Amino acid sequence: MGMKDQFQEKSRQAKGKMDQAKGKMDQGREKAGQRGQQGRQGQQPPERGGQNYRDIEDTEQQVEDRFDRDYDA
């Protein structure tokens, strides 16, 4: 078997492995999509304002307090 033949054979093997990997990735994406859809069916959309808004305000207040403590003049 010549060098060119060896190279072509290795190229064919590598292509086959890449095709297998792509197939597995597609299967994984498909399964992940199915899992995501199942999870969304039982969930309610988050409310605007409410608890989420308070969490943001608390976080900003904590950052301000930490800044004041770190850079107290």
N, C-alpha and C. Protein backbone atom coordinates (compact mmCIF):
# COMPACT_ATOMS: atom_id res chain seq x y z
N MET A 1 0.86 -1.17 0.00
CA MET A 1 0.00 0.00 0.00
C MET A 1 0.91 1.24 0.00
N GLY A 2 0.64 2.14 -0.93
CA GLY A 2 1.46 3.33 -1.03
C GLY A 2 1.06 4.39 -0.03
N MET A 3 1.84 5.44 0.07
CA MET A 3 1.57 6.53 1.00
C MET A 3 0.23 7.19 0.69
N LYS A 4 -0.04 7.38 -0.60
CA LYS A 4 -1.30 8.02 -1.00
C LYS A 4 -2.49 7.17 -0.57
N ASP A 5 -2.38 5.86 -0.75
CA ASP A 5 -3.46 4.96 -0.35
C ASP A 5 -3.67 4.98 1.15
N GLN A 6 -2.58 5.00 1.90
CA GLN A 6 -2.68 5.06 3.36
C GLN A 6 -3.36 6.35 3.79
N PHE A 7 -3.00 7.45 3.17
CA PHE A 7 -3.60 8.74 3.51
C PHE A 7 -5.10 8.73 3.23
N GLN A 8 -5.48 8.19 2.06
CA GLN A 8 -6.89 8.15 1.70
C GLN A 8 -7.68 7.26 2.66
N GLU A 9 -7.09 6.14 3.06
CA GLU A 9 -7.76 5.24 4.00
C GLU A 9 -7.96 5.92 5.35
N LYS A 10 -6.92 6.61 5.83
CA LYS A 10 -7.04 7.32 7.11
C LYS A 10 -8.07 8.43 7.02
N SER A 11 -8.13 9.10 5.86
CA SER A 11 -9.12 10.16 5.66
C SER A 11 -10.53 9.59 5.73
N ARG A 12 -10.73 8.42 5.09
CA ARG A 12 -12.05 7.78 5.11
C ARG A 12 -12.43 7.38 6.54
N GLN A 13 -11.48 6.85 7.29
CA GLN A 13 -11.75 6.45 8.68
C GLN A 13 -12.10 7.66 9.53
N ALA A 14 -11.35 8.74 9.35
CA ALA A 14 -11.60 9.95 10.13
C ALA A 14 -12.97 10.52 9.78
N LYS A 15 -13.34 10.51 8.51
CA LYS A 15 -14.65 11.02 8.11
C LYS A 15 -15.76 10.19 8.73
N GLY A 16 -15.57 8.86 8.76
CA GLY A 16 -16.57 8.00 9.37
C GLY A 16 -16.74 8.30 10.85
N LYS A 17 -15.63 8.53 11.54
CA LYS A 17 -15.70 8.84 12.97
C LYS A 17 -16.37 10.20 13.19
N MET A 18 -16.09 11.15 12.32
CA MET A 18 -16.72 12.47 12.45
C MET A 18 -18.22 12.37 12.22
N ASP A 19 -18.63 11.56 11.24
CA ASP A 19 -20.06 11.37 10.98
C ASP A 19 -20.74 10.73 12.19
N GLN A 20 -20.07 9.76 12.82
CA GLN A 20 -20.63 9.14 14.02
C GLN A 20 -20.78 10.17 15.14
N ALA A 21 -19.77 11.00 15.31
CA ALA A 21 -19.81 12.01 16.37
C ALA A 21 -20.93 13.01 16.12
N LYS A 22 -21.09 13.41 14.85
CA LYS A 22 -22.17 14.34 14.53
C LYS A 22 -23.53 13.72 14.82
N GLY A 23 -23.67 12.44 14.51
CA GLY A 23 -24.92 11.74 14.79
C GLY A 23 -25.22 11.71 16.28
N LYS A 24 -24.20 11.45 17.08
CA LYS A 24 -24.39 11.43 18.54
C LYS A 24 -24.75 12.81 19.07
N MET A 25 -24.12 13.84 18.50
CA MET A 25 -24.43 15.21 18.92
C MET A 25 -25.87 15.56 18.59
N ASP A 26 -26.32 15.16 17.39
CA ASP A 26 -27.71 15.42 17.00
C ASP A 26 -28.68 14.71 17.93
N GLN A 27 -28.35 13.45 18.29
CA GLN A 27 -29.21 12.71 19.21
C GLN A 27 -29.27 13.41 20.57
N GLY A 28 -28.12 13.89 21.04
CA GLY A 28 -28.09 14.59 22.32
C GLY A 28 -28.91 15.86 22.29
N ARG A 29 -28.80 16.60 21.19
CA ARG A 29 -29.60 17.83 21.08
C ARG A 29 -31.09 17.52 21.06
N GLU A 30 -31.44 16.45 20.36
CA GLU A 30 -32.84 16.06 20.27
C GLU A 30 -33.38 15.69 21.66
N LYS A 31 -32.60 14.91 22.40
CA LYS A 31 -33.03 14.51 23.74
C LYS A 31 -33.13 15.72 24.65
N ALA A 32 -32.16 16.63 24.54
CA ALA A 32 -32.18 17.83 25.39
C ALA A 32 -33.40 18.68 25.06
N GLY A 33 -33.73 18.78 23.80
CA GLY A 33 -34.91 19.55 23.40
C GLY A 33 -36.18 18.94 23.95
N GLN A 34 -36.26 17.62 23.94
CA GLN A 34 -37.44 16.95 24.48
C GLN A 34 -37.54 17.17 25.98
N ARG A 35 -36.41 17.08 26.66
CA ARG A 35 -36.42 17.31 28.11
C ARG A 35 -36.83 18.74 28.42
N GLY A 36 -36.33 19.68 27.61
CA GLY A 36 -36.68 21.09 27.84
C GLY A 36 -38.15 21.34 27.64
N GLN A 37 -38.75 20.71 26.64
CA GLN A 37 -40.18 20.90 26.40
C GLN A 37 -41.00 20.31 27.53
N GLN A 38 -40.59 19.16 28.05
CA GLN A 38 -41.33 18.55 29.14
C GLN A 38 -41.26 19.42 30.38
N GLY A 39 -40.12 20.02 30.63
CA GLY A 39 -39.98 20.88 31.80
C GLY A 39 -40.82 22.14 31.69
N ARG A 40 -40.97 22.67 30.50
CA ARG A 40 -41.73 23.91 30.31
C ARG A 40 -43.23 23.70 30.45
N GLN A 41 -43.70 22.50 30.18
CA GLN A 41 -45.14 22.25 30.22
C GLN A 41 -45.72 22.50 31.61
N GLY A 42 -44.98 22.15 32.65
CA GLY A 42 -45.49 22.29 34.00
C GLY A 42 -45.19 23.63 34.64
N GLN A 43 -44.41 24.48 33.99
CA GLN A 43 -43.99 25.73 34.61
C GLN A 43 -44.91 26.88 34.21
N GLN A 44 -45.11 27.77 35.15
CA GLN A 44 -45.84 29.00 34.88
C GLN A 44 -44.85 30.06 34.47
N PRO A 45 -45.22 30.97 33.59
CA PRO A 45 -44.27 32.05 33.25
C PRO A 45 -44.02 32.92 34.47
N PRO A 46 -42.82 33.41 34.66
CA PRO A 46 -42.54 34.24 35.84
C PRO A 46 -43.33 35.55 35.77
N GLU A 47 -43.76 35.98 36.94
CA GLU A 47 -44.53 37.23 37.00
C GLU A 47 -43.59 38.42 36.89
N ARG A 48 -44.09 39.47 36.29
CA ARG A 48 -43.29 40.70 36.22
C ARG A 48 -43.39 41.39 37.58
N GLY A 49 -42.30 42.01 37.99
CA GLY A 49 -42.31 42.67 39.29
C GLY A 49 -42.25 41.62 40.38
N GLY A 50 -42.99 41.83 41.43
CA GLY A 50 -43.08 40.84 42.49
C GLY A 50 -41.73 40.49 43.10
N GLN A 51 -41.54 39.22 43.38
CA GLN A 51 -40.35 38.73 44.06
C GLN A 51 -39.08 39.00 43.26
N ASN A 52 -39.13 38.82 41.95
CA ASN A 52 -37.93 39.01 41.15
C ASN A 52 -37.41 40.44 41.26
N TYR A 53 -38.30 41.40 41.24
CA TYR A 53 -37.90 42.79 41.33
C TYR A 53 -37.27 43.08 42.70
N ARG A 54 -37.84 42.51 43.75
CA ARG A 54 -37.28 42.71 45.09
C ARG A 54 -35.87 42.12 45.18
N ASP A 55 -35.67 40.97 44.57
CA ASP A 55 -34.35 40.36 44.58
C ASP A 55 -33.32 41.28 43.95
N ILE A 56 -33.69 41.93 42.86
CA ILE A 56 -32.78 42.85 42.19
C ILE A 56 -32.48 44.04 43.08
N GLU A 57 -33.52 44.57 43.71
CA GLU A 57 -33.31 45.71 44.60
C GLU A 57 -32.40 45.33 45.76
N ASP A 58 -32.63 44.17 46.36
CA ASP A 58 -31.80 43.72 47.48
C ASP A 58 -30.35 43.59 47.03
N THR A 59 -30.14 43.05 45.88
CA THR A 59 -28.78 42.86 45.38
C THR A 59 -28.10 44.21 45.20
N GLU A 60 -28.80 45.16 44.60
CA GLU A 60 -28.22 46.50 44.41
C GLU A 60 -27.89 47.14 45.75
N GLN A 61 -28.78 46.97 46.74
CA GLN A 61 -28.55 47.54 48.06
C GLN A 61 -27.33 46.88 48.71
N GLN A 62 -27.20 45.58 48.55
CA GLN A 62 -26.05 44.88 49.11
C GLN A 62 -24.76 45.37 48.47
N VAL A 63 -24.78 45.60 47.18
CA VAL A 63 -23.59 46.10 46.49
C VAL A 63 -23.23 47.49 47.00
N GLU A 64 -24.24 48.35 47.15
CA GLU A 64 -23.98 49.70 47.67
C GLU A 64 -23.41 49.65 49.08
N ASP A 65 -23.97 48.79 49.92
CA ASP A 65 -23.47 48.66 51.29
C ASP A 65 -22.02 48.17 51.30
N ARG A 66 -21.73 47.19 50.48
CA ARG A 66 -20.38 46.65 50.41
C ARG A 66 -19.40 47.73 49.90
N PHE A 67 -19.83 48.50 48.92
CA PHE A 67 -19.01 49.58 48.38
C PHE A 67 -18.72 50.61 49.47
N ASP A 68 -19.76 50.98 50.23
CA ASP A 68 -19.59 51.94 51.31
C ASP A 68 -18.62 51.44 52.37
N ARG A 69 -18.73 50.16 52.71
CA ARG A 69 -17.82 49.59 53.70
C ARG A 69 -16.37 49.54 53.20
N ASP A 70 -16.20 49.15 51.94
CA ASP A 70 -14.85 49.01 51.39
C ASP A 70 -14.17 50.36 51.19
N TYR A 71 -14.96 51.37 50.83
CA TYR A 71 -14.38 52.68 50.52
C TYR A 71 -14.85 53.75 51.51
N ASP A 72 -14.98 53.35 52.76
CA ASP A 72 -15.43 54.29 53.78
C ASP A 72 -14.38 55.39 53.94
N ALA A 73 -14.84 56.63 53.83
CA ALA A 73 -13.89 57.76 53.88
C ALA A 73 -13.69 58.24 55.30
